[in-house]
Amino acid sequence: MKKEVLDYVVKETHALMEAFSCSKEAKDAAQAWLDAVGTENEAEETKKYIAELEADIVTVDDLISLAESEMGAKIFGAEKAKEVAAHGKEIKAAGAAYCDCPACAAVEKILAKKDEMLA
């Protein structure tokens, strides 16, 4: 992996790990990848990291569906769920494909470098 790509992904990985919305699985995969950088395990951990990120990123449609569901009301609270759903519809109308919470935003940036990470 080129140094500039590595530096970018490391920076975004730290942003992901610091995000309030980062799942434990993503945080664990991020740390495992960081620990493997520069070792013989880097290529294998990169593949695992990418697979975890692809599984975790939330599409804007899934965000809207969750926010409009009973589960969304339980997670966010009834009023906040309505706000989240409206926000999801707003960002979708603006062309967003994914949720824009801090974790998903970092994941989207990392996955944009996927091909360069695997090269």
C-alpha atoms as a PDB file:
ATOM      1  CA  MET A   1       0.000   0.000   0.000  1.00  0.00           C
ATOM      2  CA  LYS A   2       1.333   3.406  -0.904  1.00  0.00           C
ATOM      3  CA  LYS A   3       2.340   5.598   2.031  1.00  0.00           C
ATOM      4  CA  GLU A   4      -0.184   8.338   1.252  1.00  0.00           C
ATOM      5  CA  VAL A   5      -3.013   5.774   1.100  1.00  0.00           C
ATOM      6  CA  LEU A   6      -1.822   4.147   4.310  1.00  0.00           C
ATOM      7  CA  ASP A   7      -1.598   7.500   6.101  1.00  0.00           C
ATOM      8  CA  TYR A   8      -5.097   8.445   4.914  1.00  0.00           C
ATOM      9  CA  VAL A   9      -6.629   5.129   5.973  1.00  0.00           C
ATOM     10  CA  VAL A  10      -4.874   5.224   9.355  1.00  0.00           C
ATOM     11  CA  LYS A  11      -6.259   8.737   9.946  1.00  0.00           C
ATOM     12  CA  GLU A  12      -9.797   7.710   8.979  1.00  0.00           C
ATOM     13  CA  THR A  13      -9.484   4.513  11.023  1.00  0.00           C
ATOM     14  CA  HIS A  14      -8.752   6.580  14.124  1.00  0.00           C
ATOM     15  CA  ALA A  15     -11.760   8.791  13.295  1.00  0.00           C
ATOM     16  CA  LEU A  16     -13.893   5.653  12.992  1.00  0.00           C
ATOM     17  CA  MET A  17     -12.713   4.279  16.324  1.00  0.00           C
ATOM     18  CA  GLU A  18     -13.438   7.599  18.058  1.00  0.00           C
ATOM     19  CA  ALA A  19     -16.950   7.878  16.594  1.00  0.00           C
ATOM     20  CA  PHE A  20     -19.775   7.458  19.090  1.00  0.00           C
ATOM     21  CA  SER A  21     -21.627   5.402  16.483  1.00  0.00           C
ATOM     22  CA  CYS A  22     -18.810   2.899  15.841  1.00  0.00           C
ATOM     23  CA  SER A  23     -19.794  -0.706  16.575  1.00  0.00           C
ATOM     24  CA  LYS A  24     -17.636  -2.902  18.782  1.00  0.00           C
ATOM     25  CA  GLU A  25     -16.987  -5.212  15.817  1.00  0.00           C
ATOM     26  CA  ALA A  26     -15.777  -2.356  13.631  1.00  0.00           C
ATOM     27  CA  LYS A  27     -13.628  -0.982  16.447  1.00  0.00           C
ATOM     28  CA  ASP A  28     -12.074  -4.419  17.027  1.00  0.00           C
ATOM     29  CA  ALA A  29     -11.424  -4.906  13.287  1.00  0.00           C
ATOM     30  CA  ALA A  30      -9.908  -1.431  13.065  1.00  0.00           C
ATOM     31  CA  GLN A  31      -7.551  -2.125  15.964  1.00  0.00           C
ATOM     32  CA  ALA A  32      -6.567  -5.518  14.536  1.00  0.00           C
ATOM     33  CA  TRP A  33      -5.781  -3.856  11.208  1.00  0.00           C
ATOM     34  CA  LEU A  34      -3.753  -1.080  12.859  1.00  0.00           C
ATOM     35  CA  ASP A  35      -1.824  -3.685  14.827  1.00  0.00           C
ATOM     36  CA  ALA A  36      -1.060  -5.605  11.613  1.00  0.00           C
ATOM     37  CA  VAL A  37       0.177  -2.626   9.570  1.00  0.00           C
ATOM     38  CA  GLY A  38       3.793  -3.222   8.605  1.00  0.00           C
ATOM     39  CA  THR A  39       3.704  -6.902   9.563  1.00  0.00           C
ATOM     40  CA  GLU A  40       3.381 -10.108   7.582  1.00  0.00           C
ATOM     41  CA  ASN A  41      -0.310 -10.157   8.565  1.00  0.00           C
ATOM     42  CA  GLU A  42      -1.146  -6.803   7.000  1.00  0.00           C
ATOM     43  CA  ALA A  43      -2.643  -8.133   3.740  1.00  0.00           C
ATOM     44  CA  GLU A  44      -4.856 -10.672   5.523  1.00  0.00           C
ATOM     45  CA  GLU A  45      -6.018  -8.162   8.146  1.00  0.00           C
ATOM     46  CA  THR A  46      -6.716  -5.599   5.409  1.00  0.00           C
ATOM     47  CA  LYS A  47      -9.119  -8.060   3.752  1.00  0.00           C
ATOM     48  CA  LYS A  48     -10.817  -8.789   7.089  1.00  0.00           C
ATOM     49  CA  TYR A  49     -11.043  -5.082   7.900  1.00  0.00           C
ATOM     50  CA  ILE A  50     -12.626  -4.252   4.552  1.00  0.00           C
ATOM     51  CA  ALA A  51     -15.115  -7.114   4.923  1.00  0.00           C
ATOM     52  CA  GLU A  52     -16.149  -5.838   8.365  1.00  0.00           C
ATOM     53  CA  LEU A  53     -16.527  -2.274   7.100  1.00  0.00           C
ATOM     54  CA  GLU A  54     -18.629  -3.398   4.141  1.00  0.00           C
ATOM     55  CA  ALA A  55     -20.877  -5.346   6.537  1.00  0.00           C
ATOM     56  CA  ASP A  56     -21.212  -2.442   8.970  1.00  0.00           C
ATOM     57  CA  ILE A  57     -21.827   0.588   6.770  1.00  0.00           C
ATOM     58  CA  VAL A  58     -25.497   1.585   6.830  1.00  0.00           C
ATOM     59  CA  THR A  59     -27.198   2.556   3.596  1.00  0.00           C
ATOM     60  CA  VAL A  60     -29.365   5.640   3.698  1.00  0.00           C
ATOM     61  CA  ASP A  61     -32.384   3.460   2.876  1.00  0.00           C
ATOM     62  CA  ASP A  62     -31.626   1.201   5.853  1.00  0.00           C
ATOM     63  CA  LEU A  63     -31.222   4.260   8.072  1.00  0.00           C
ATOM     64  CA  ILE A  64     -34.635   5.571   7.010  1.00  0.00           C
ATOM     65  CA  SER A  65     -36.248   2.148   7.464  1.00  0.00           C
ATOM     66  CA  LEU A  66     -34.766   1.777  10.931  1.00  0.00           C
ATOM     67  CA  ALA A  67     -35.763   5.270  12.002  1.00  0.00           C
ATOM     68  CA  GLU A  68     -39.336   4.698  10.831  1.00  0.00           C
ATOM     69  CA  SER A  69     -39.647   1.344  12.597  1.00  0.00           C
ATOM     70  CA  GLU A  70     -40.692   0.435  16.143  1.00  0.00           C
ATOM     71  CA  MET A  71     -37.080  -0.520  16.828  1.00  0.00           C
ATOM     72  CA  GLY A  72     -35.963   2.926  15.658  1.00  0.00           C
ATOM     73  CA  ALA A  73     -38.354   4.549  18.107  1.00  0.00           C
ATOM     74  CA  LYS A  74     -36.901   2.385  20.881  1.00  0.00           C
ATOM     75  CA  ILE A  75     -33.304   3.165  19.906  1.00  0.00           C
ATOM     76  CA  PHE A  76     -33.631   6.879  19.231  1.00  0.00           C
ATOM     77  CA  GLY A  77     -36.811   7.782  21.088  1.00  0.00           C
ATOM     78  CA  ALA A  78     -40.009   8.624  19.196  1.00  0.00           C
ATOM     79  CA  GLU A  79     -39.217  12.273  18.417  1.00  0.00           C
ATOM     80  CA  LYS A  80     -35.549  11.710  17.573  1.00  0.00           C
ATOM     81  CA  ALA A  81     -36.522   8.791  15.309  1.00  0.00           C
ATOM     82  CA  LYS A  82     -38.726  11.160  13.291  1.00  0.00           C
ATOM     83  CA  GLU A  83     -35.798  13.591  13.013  1.00  0.00           C
ATOM     84  CA  VAL A  84     -33.430  10.800  11.937  1.00  0.00           C
ATOM     85  CA  ALA A  85     -35.904   9.605   9.296  1.00  0.00           C
ATOM     86  CA  ALA A  86     -36.356  13.148   7.964  1.00  0.00           C
ATOM     87  CA  HIS A  87     -32.589  13.653   7.922  1.00  0.00           C
ATOM     88  CA  GLY A  88     -32.144  10.354   6.071  1.00  0.00           C
ATOM     89  CA  LYS A  89     -34.663  11.421   3.437  1.00  0.00           C
ATOM     90  CA  GLU A  90     -32.949  14.795   3.113  1.00  0.00           C
ATOM     91  CA  ILE A  91     -29.470  13.345   2.557  1.00  0.00           C
ATOM     92  CA  LYS A  92     -30.881  10.710   0.186  1.00  0.00           C
ATOM     93  CA  ALA A  93     -32.509  13.462  -1.891  1.00  0.00           C
ATOM     94  CA  ALA A  94     -29.112  15.178  -1.992  1.00  0.00           C
ATOM     95  CA  GLY A  95     -27.555  11.996  -3.414  1.00  0.00           C
ATOM     96  CA  ALA A  96     -26.154  10.268  -0.328  1.00  0.00           C
ATOM     97  CA  ALA A  97     -25.895   6.501  -0.515  1.00  0.00           C
ATOM     98  CA  TYR A  98     -24.961   5.966   3.121  1.00  0.00           C
ATOM     99  CA  CYS A  99     -25.772   7.190   6.597  1.00  0.00           C
ATOM    100  CA  ASP A 100     -23.692  10.247   7.468  1.00  0.00           C
ATOM    101  CA  CYS A 101     -23.080   9.514  11.152  1.00  0.00           C
ATOM    102  CA  PRO A 102     -19.394   9.830  12.101  1.00  0.00           C
ATOM    103  CA  ALA A 103     -18.752   6.074  11.882  1.00  0.00           C
ATOM    104  CA  CYS A 104     -20.423   5.567   8.505  1.00  0.00           C
ATOM    105  CA  ALA A 105     -18.760   8.705   7.119  1.00  0.00           C
ATOM    106  CA  ALA A 106     -15.324   7.365   8.115  1.00  0.00           C
ATOM    107  CA  VAL A 107     -16.129   3.925   6.705  1.00  0.00           C
ATOM    108  CA  GLU A 108     -17.246   5.449   3.409  1.00  0.00           C
ATOM    109  CA  LYS A 109     -13.939   7.330   3.161  1.00  0.00           C
ATOM    110  CA  ILE A 110     -11.933   4.195   3.948  1.00  0.00           C
ATOM    111  CA  LEU A 111     -13.865   2.042   1.481  1.00  0.00           C
ATOM    112  CA  ALA A 112     -13.248   4.641  -1.228  1.00  0.00           C
ATOM    113  CA  LYS A 113      -9.590   3.533  -0.950  1.00  0.00           C
ATOM    114  CA  LYS A 114     -10.426  -0.191  -0.992  1.00  0.00           C
ATOM    115  CA  ASP A 115      -8.765  -0.993  -4.322  1.00  0.00           C
ATOM    116  CA  GLU A 116      -5.609   0.865  -3.331  1.00  0.00           C
ATOM    117  CA  MET A 117      -5.583  -0.888   0.050  1.00  0.00           C
ATOM    118  CA  LEU A 118      -5.750  -4.292  -1.632  1.00  0.00           C
ATOM    119  CA  ALA A 119      -3.185  -3.498  -4.338  1.00  0.00           C
END
